[in-house]
Amino acid sequence: MFRFIQALLVAVLIGSSPLALAVEVKIGFVNTERIFREAAPAVRAQKKLEKEFEKRDQELQRLAKQLQGMQETLEKNGVTMAEADRRNKDREFNDLNREFQRKQREYREDLNQRRNEELAVVLERANKTIKQIAEQEKFDIIFQEAVFASPRIDITEKVLKALSDQPAAK
């Protein structure tokens, strides 16, 4: 009887070993940064933002050149100018510099807000695409962030291709 219980215990232990319980898990990884750089919707969003902010960028460049010219004039002619003229030119320069800094700050804030809005749309489309790939290819889990991911499980290229095959959103 003791040997029978011992044999039964060994059989149970062998049957419940990790090898016997191993379940095949299909894992994938998507490089989100690469999606934001290379995906067709992300490239279209970047071009859209460049066009949308082009005039404001040109205005900032114009103001920067104007400031540089004023500064050079003040450095070159400041010593020979009358005190009142120099003070007026300094005041003009400082006013324009404050305006430039304010416009530059507003530009950066607006650009960052719009970029975040556009990237959110890209991420939403990418996530839908990733989910479709996961369902079609029967993935158990797909990670978007990892310290390390083997190229063997990286499906970023599939996602990029699927996104480029989709029509542009209106």
Protein backbone atom coordinates (compact mmCIF):
# COMPACT_ATOMS: atom_id res chain seq x y z
CA MET A 1 0.00 0.00 0.00
CA PHE A 2 2.85 2.40 0.89
CA ARG A 3 4.50 1.82 -2.52
CA PHE A 4 1.20 2.47 -4.28
CA ILE A 5 0.75 5.82 -2.50
CA GLN A 6 4.39 6.68 -3.22
CA ALA A 7 3.94 5.86 -6.93
CA LEU A 8 0.71 7.86 -7.03
CA LEU A 9 2.45 10.84 -5.40
CA VAL A 10 5.31 10.69 -7.95
CA ALA A 11 2.78 10.53 -10.81
CA VAL A 12 0.92 13.56 -9.45
CA LEU A 13 4.16 15.54 -9.06
CA ILE A 14 5.32 14.68 -12.56
CA GLY A 15 1.91 15.49 -14.00
CA SER A 16 1.86 18.92 -12.35
CA SER A 17 5.40 19.89 -13.32
CA PRO A 18 5.91 23.15 -15.26
CA LEU A 19 6.69 21.18 -18.39
CA ALA A 20 3.40 19.36 -18.25
CA LEU A 21 1.49 22.57 -17.58
CA ALA A 22 3.28 24.64 -20.20
CA VAL A 23 0.86 26.63 -22.31
CA GLU A 24 2.04 28.24 -25.48
CA VAL A 25 1.72 32.00 -25.17
CA LYS A 26 2.11 34.26 -28.20
CA ILE A 27 3.70 37.58 -27.30
CA GLY A 28 4.29 40.65 -29.48
CA PHE A 29 5.91 44.03 -29.11
CA VAL A 30 5.27 47.33 -30.92
CA ASN A 31 7.74 50.22 -30.83
CA THR A 32 5.41 53.20 -30.32
CA GLU A 33 8.15 55.78 -30.90
CA ARG A 34 8.83 54.24 -34.30
CA ILE A 35 5.10 54.34 -35.09
CA PHE A 36 5.05 58.07 -34.24
CA ARG A 37 8.06 58.68 -36.52
CA GLU A 38 7.39 56.39 -39.48
CA ALA A 39 3.68 55.56 -39.74
CA ALA A 40 1.89 57.15 -42.68
CA PRO A 41 -0.73 58.85 -40.44
CA ALA A 42 2.06 60.28 -38.26
CA VAL A 43 3.94 61.63 -41.28
CA ARG A 44 0.72 63.20 -42.60
CA ALA A 45 0.05 64.74 -39.18
CA GLN A 46 3.56 66.22 -39.06
CA LYS A 47 3.13 67.79 -42.51
CA LYS A 48 -0.28 69.13 -41.49
CA LEU A 49 1.25 70.75 -38.38
CA GLU A 50 4.11 72.26 -40.37
CA LYS A 51 1.64 73.82 -42.79
CA GLU A 52 -0.65 74.99 -39.99
CA PHE A 53 2.18 76.73 -38.09
CA GLU A 54 4.20 77.93 -41.08
CA LYS A 55 3.04 81.59 -40.95
CA ARG A 56 3.66 81.90 -37.22
CA ASP A 57 7.11 80.35 -37.62
CA GLN A 58 7.95 82.84 -40.40
CA GLU A 59 6.73 85.71 -38.21
CA LEU A 60 9.00 84.55 -35.38
CA GLN A 61 11.96 84.32 -37.75
CA ARG A 62 11.21 87.84 -39.01
CA LEU A 63 11.08 89.19 -35.45
CA ALA A 64 14.33 87.40 -34.55
CA LYS A 65 16.11 89.03 -37.53
CA GLN A 66 14.66 92.41 -36.60
CA LEU A 67 15.91 91.99 -33.02
CA GLN A 68 19.34 90.95 -34.22
CA GLY A 69 19.52 94.00 -36.50
CA MET A 70 18.47 96.32 -33.67
CA GLN A 71 21.05 94.80 -31.34
CA GLU A 72 23.82 95.17 -33.92
CA THR A 73 22.83 98.80 -34.52
CA LEU A 74 22.84 99.52 -30.78
CA GLU A 75 26.25 97.90 -30.34
CA LYS A 76 27.69 99.66 -33.36
CA ASN A 77 26.19 103.13 -32.91
CA GLY A 78 25.27 103.16 -29.20
CA VAL A 79 28.41 104.98 -28.14
CA THR A 80 27.94 107.79 -30.68
CA MET A 81 24.16 108.22 -30.17
CA ALA A 82 22.65 110.91 -28.06
CA GLU A 83 21.62 109.64 -24.63
CA ALA A 84 17.89 110.12 -25.33
CA ASP A 85 18.14 108.28 -28.68
CA ARG A 86 20.04 105.42 -27.10
CA ARG A 87 17.45 105.08 -24.30
CA ASN A 88 14.63 105.11 -26.87
CA LYS A 89 16.38 102.46 -28.99
CA ASP A 90 17.04 100.36 -25.86
CA ARG A 91 13.38 100.63 -24.86
CA GLU A 92 12.27 99.71 -28.41
CA PHE A 93 14.64 96.75 -28.39
CA ASN A 94 13.41 95.54 -24.97
CA ASP A 95 9.75 95.91 -25.96
CA LEU A 96 10.30 93.97 -29.17
CA ASN A 97 12.31 91.33 -27.29
CA ARG A 98 9.45 90.84 -24.79
CA GLU A 99 6.95 90.57 -27.64
CA PHE A 100 9.20 88.05 -29.40
CA GLN A 101 9.56 85.92 -26.26
CA ARG A 102 5.80 86.03 -25.61
CA LYS A 103 5.00 85.00 -29.20
CA GLN A 104 7.65 82.29 -29.10
CA ARG A 105 6.22 80.87 -25.85
CA GLU A 106 2.66 80.92 -27.25
CA TYR A 107 3.88 79.28 -30.45
CA ARG A 108 5.58 76.44 -28.55
CA GLU A 109 2.54 75.91 -26.31
CA ASP A 110 0.11 75.86 -29.25
CA LEU A 111 2.38 73.61 -31.31
CA ASN A 112 2.79 71.15 -28.43
CA GLN A 113 -0.95 71.07 -27.81
CA ARG A 114 -1.73 70.44 -31.48
CA ARG A 115 1.05 67.84 -31.76
CA ASN A 116 -0.39 65.99 -28.76
CA GLU A 117 -3.86 66.09 -30.34
CA GLU A 118 -2.55 64.71 -33.64
CA LEU A 119 -0.44 62.03 -31.93
CA ALA A 120 -3.48 60.93 -29.92
CA VAL A 121 -5.34 60.32 -33.20
CA VAL A 122 -2.34 58.40 -34.58
CA LEU A 123 -2.11 56.33 -31.39
CA GLU A 124 -5.83 55.53 -31.52
CA ARG A 125 -5.52 54.29 -35.12
CA ALA A 126 -2.37 52.34 -34.26
CA ASN A 127 -4.07 50.69 -31.27
CA LYS A 128 -7.03 49.62 -33.45
CA THR A 129 -4.60 48.20 -35.99
CA ILE A 130 -2.61 46.40 -33.30
CA LYS A 131 -5.82 44.91 -31.91
CA GLN A 132 -6.82 43.68 -35.38
CA ILE A 133 -3.40 42.07 -35.88
CA ALA A 134 -3.60 40.51 -32.40
CA GLU A 135 -7.00 39.00 -33.15
CA GLN A 136 -6.08 37.80 -36.65
CA GLU A 137 -2.78 36.23 -35.60
CA LYS A 138 -4.04 35.04 -32.21
CA PHE A 139 -1.61 36.96 -29.98
CA ASP A 140 -2.16 36.59 -26.25
CA ILE A 141 -0.53 39.90 -25.40
CA ILE A 142 1.19 42.75 -27.23
CA PHE A 143 3.37 45.22 -25.35
CA GLN A 144 3.95 48.81 -26.41
CA GLU A 145 6.66 49.58 -23.87
CA ALA A 146 9.50 47.38 -22.77
CA VAL A 147 13.04 47.77 -21.54
CA PHE A 148 14.05 45.09 -24.02
CA ALA A 149 12.17 43.23 -26.75
CA SER A 150 13.63 40.58 -28.99
CA PRO A 151 13.34 41.30 -32.71
CA ARG A 152 11.65 37.89 -32.92
CA ILE A 153 8.50 39.28 -31.23
CA ASP A 154 8.65 42.82 -32.70
CA ILE A 155 5.61 43.35 -34.93
CA THR A 156 6.17 47.07 -35.49
CA GLU A 157 6.83 46.53 -39.21
CA LYS A 158 3.45 44.75 -39.61
CA VAL A 159 1.70 47.63 -37.85
CA LEU A 160 3.48 50.23 -40.03
CA LYS A 161 2.48 48.35 -43.17
CA ALA A 162 -1.12 47.99 -42.03
CA LEU A 163 -1.30 51.70 -41.19
CA SER A 164 0.14 52.68 -44.58
CA ASP A 165 -2.49 50.50 -46.31
CA GLN A 166 -5.32 52.37 -44.56
CA PRO A 167 -6.85 55.39 -46.28
CA ALA A 168 -6.10 58.80 -44.81
CA ALA A 169 -8.61 59.98 -42.23
CA LYS A 170 -10.54 63.10 -43.14
